[in-house]
Amino acid sequence: MKVGRVIGNVVSTIKHDFFEGERLLMVQLVDNGEDYDGYLICTDVVGAGSDETVLILDEGSSARTIYGIESAPIRSVIVGIIDDIHELDT
């Protein structure tokens, strides 16, 4: 699992049939509350919006399980919207 922040939509006129009707979002990866070099293009199953902090499932086989399609060409799926992150004192 990874944490990211939605920074935009991805629009494609030519795409694999699997992505028909799917929302594609560009997500900036976040570590300890700070953006870092790297982003993912993710499908969205929770209705995330612009600038929201999200939880990303970034593993192909698990992502395909979300959709229940064994041969889907998918790797990254937004599976949650994060309200707040608290660091535990150790």
C-alpha atoms as a PDB file:
ATOM      1  CA  MET A   1       0.000   0.000   0.000  1.00  0.00           C
ATOM      2  CA  LYS A   2       1.096   3.537  -0.746  1.00  0.00           C
ATOM      3  CA  VAL A   3      -0.148   6.990   0.171  1.00  0.00           C
ATOM      4  CA  GLY A   4      -0.644   9.703  -2.421  1.00  0.00           C
ATOM      5  CA  ARG A   5      -2.404  12.947  -3.278  1.00  0.00           C
ATOM      6  CA  VAL A   6      -4.658  13.264  -6.327  1.00  0.00           C
ATOM      7  CA  ILE A   7      -3.171  15.863  -8.672  1.00  0.00           C
ATOM      8  CA  GLY A   8      -5.167  15.372 -11.865  1.00  0.00           C
ATOM      9  CA  ASN A   9      -7.318  13.360 -14.249  1.00  0.00           C
ATOM     10  CA  VAL A  10      -6.011  11.276 -17.124  1.00  0.00           C
ATOM     11  CA  VAL A  11      -8.000  11.338 -20.365  1.00  0.00           C
ATOM     12  CA  SER A  12      -7.368   8.824 -23.138  1.00  0.00           C
ATOM     13  CA  THR A  13      -9.329   8.393 -26.356  1.00  0.00           C
ATOM     14  CA  ILE A  14      -7.637   5.090 -27.220  1.00  0.00           C
ATOM     15  CA  LYS A  15      -7.391   2.558 -24.404  1.00  0.00           C
ATOM     16  CA  HIS A  16      -7.782  -1.104 -23.519  1.00  0.00           C
ATOM     17  CA  ASP A  17     -11.434  -2.215 -23.269  1.00  0.00           C
ATOM     18  CA  PHE A  18     -10.998  -2.789 -19.524  1.00  0.00           C
ATOM     19  CA  PHE A  19     -10.602   0.957 -18.942  1.00  0.00           C
ATOM     20  CA  GLU A  20     -13.858   1.937 -20.693  1.00  0.00           C
ATOM     21  CA  GLY A  21     -15.903   3.835 -18.111  1.00  0.00           C
ATOM     22  CA  GLU A  22     -13.119   3.774 -15.502  1.00  0.00           C
ATOM     23  CA  ARG A  23     -11.824   6.996 -13.950  1.00  0.00           C
ATOM     24  CA  LEU A  24      -8.072   7.370 -14.226  1.00  0.00           C
ATOM     25  CA  LEU A  25      -6.370   9.708 -11.773  1.00  0.00           C
ATOM     26  CA  MET A  26      -2.791  10.934 -11.536  1.00  0.00           C
ATOM     27  CA  VAL A  27      -1.578  10.583  -7.967  1.00  0.00           C
ATOM     28  CA  GLN A  28       1.558  12.201  -6.509  1.00  0.00           C
ATOM     29  CA  LEU A  29       3.222   9.830  -4.046  1.00  0.00           C
ATOM     30  CA  VAL A  30       3.545  11.119  -0.463  1.00  0.00           C
ATOM     31  CA  ASP A  31       5.900  10.067   2.336  1.00  0.00           C
ATOM     32  CA  ASN A  32       5.635  11.489   5.869  1.00  0.00           C
ATOM     33  CA  GLY A  33       3.246  14.146   4.578  1.00  0.00           C
ATOM     34  CA  GLU A  34       5.690  15.400   1.933  1.00  0.00           C
ATOM     35  CA  ASP A  35       5.469  14.913  -1.833  1.00  0.00           C
ATOM     36  CA  TYR A  36       8.368  13.041  -3.353  1.00  0.00           C
ATOM     37  CA  ASP A  37       9.508  12.286  -6.875  1.00  0.00           C
ATOM     38  CA  GLY A  38       7.078   9.805  -8.319  1.00  0.00           C
ATOM     39  CA  TYR A  39       3.499   9.441  -9.333  1.00  0.00           C
ATOM     40  CA  LEU A  40       1.069   6.697 -10.303  1.00  0.00           C
ATOM     41  CA  ILE A  41      -1.854   6.584 -12.676  1.00  0.00           C
ATOM     42  CA  CYS A  42      -4.605   4.773 -10.806  1.00  0.00           C
ATOM     43  CA  THR A  43      -8.169   3.657 -11.338  1.00  0.00           C
ATOM     44  CA  ASP A  44     -10.552   4.903  -8.665  1.00  0.00           C
ATOM     45  CA  VAL A  45     -13.113   2.709  -6.896  1.00  0.00           C
ATOM     46  CA  VAL A  46     -13.949   5.129  -4.057  1.00  0.00           C
ATOM     47  CA  GLY A  47     -14.738   8.445  -5.769  1.00  0.00           C
ATOM     48  CA  ALA A  48     -11.615  10.385  -4.798  1.00  0.00           C
ATOM     49  CA  GLY A  49     -11.415  14.039  -5.759  1.00  0.00           C
ATOM     50  CA  SER A  50      -8.755  16.572  -6.599  1.00  0.00           C
ATOM     51  CA  ASP A  51      -6.160  17.224  -3.872  1.00  0.00           C
ATOM     52  CA  GLU A  52      -7.462  14.411  -1.623  1.00  0.00           C
ATOM     53  CA  THR A  53      -5.019  12.147   0.185  1.00  0.00           C
ATOM     54  CA  VAL A  54      -5.638   8.543  -0.857  1.00  0.00           C
ATOM     55  CA  LEU A  55      -4.590   4.975  -0.084  1.00  0.00           C
ATOM     56  CA  ILE A  56      -3.293   3.132  -3.141  1.00  0.00           C
ATOM     57  CA  LEU A  57      -3.123  -0.596  -3.719  1.00  0.00           C
ATOM     58  CA  ASP A  58      -0.094  -0.862  -6.017  1.00  0.00           C
ATOM     59  CA  GLU A  59       0.176  -4.541  -6.832  1.00  0.00           C
ATOM     60  CA  GLY A  60      -1.190  -6.079 -10.020  1.00  0.00           C
ATOM     61  CA  SER A  61      -2.679  -9.315  -8.710  1.00  0.00           C
ATOM     62  CA  SER A  62      -4.407  -7.595  -5.775  1.00  0.00           C
ATOM     63  CA  ALA A  63      -5.651  -4.807  -8.044  1.00  0.00           C
ATOM     64  CA  ARG A  64      -7.168  -7.393 -10.397  1.00  0.00           C
ATOM     65  CA  THR A  65      -8.854  -9.045  -7.406  1.00  0.00           C
ATOM     66  CA  ILE A  66     -10.643  -5.739  -6.640  1.00  0.00           C
ATOM     67  CA  TYR A  67     -12.243  -5.918 -10.096  1.00  0.00           C
ATOM     68  CA  GLY A  68     -12.639  -9.705 -10.132  1.00  0.00           C
ATOM     69  CA  ILE A  69     -10.998  -9.960 -13.546  1.00  0.00           C
ATOM     70  CA  GLU A  70      -7.980 -12.250 -13.744  1.00  0.00           C
ATOM     71  CA  SER A  71      -6.557 -10.831 -16.974  1.00  0.00           C
ATOM     72  CA  ALA A  72      -7.141  -7.091 -16.512  1.00  0.00           C
ATOM     73  CA  PRO A  73      -4.143  -4.892 -17.444  1.00  0.00           C
ATOM     74  CA  ILE A  74      -4.168  -3.047 -14.123  1.00  0.00           C
ATOM     75  CA  ARG A  75      -1.622  -2.338 -11.428  1.00  0.00           C
ATOM     76  CA  SER A  76      -2.706   0.607  -9.216  1.00  0.00           C
ATOM     77  CA  VAL A  77      -6.123   1.223  -7.652  1.00  0.00           C
ATOM     78  CA  ILE A  78      -7.240   3.918  -5.212  1.00  0.00           C
ATOM     79  CA  VAL A  79      -8.960   1.942  -2.447  1.00  0.00           C
ATOM     80  CA  GLY A  80      -9.450   4.580   0.256  1.00  0.00           C
ATOM     81  CA  ILE A  81      -9.624   8.272   1.055  1.00  0.00           C
ATOM     82  CA  ILE A  82      -7.480   9.274   4.023  1.00  0.00           C
ATOM     83  CA  ASP A  83      -8.940  11.826   6.422  1.00  0.00           C
ATOM     84  CA  ASP A  84      -5.931  12.240   8.672  1.00  0.00           C
ATOM     85  CA  ILE A  85      -2.577  10.634   9.440  1.00  0.00           C
ATOM     86  CA  HIS A  86      -1.208  10.488  12.976  1.00  0.00           C
ATOM     87  CA  GLU A  87       2.323   9.434  13.807  1.00  0.00           C
ATOM     88  CA  LEU A  88       2.591   7.181  16.858  1.00  0.00           C
ATOM     89  CA  ASP A  89       4.999   8.067  19.646  1.00  0.00           C
ATOM     90  CA  THR A  90       7.518   5.305  20.214  1.00  0.00           C
END
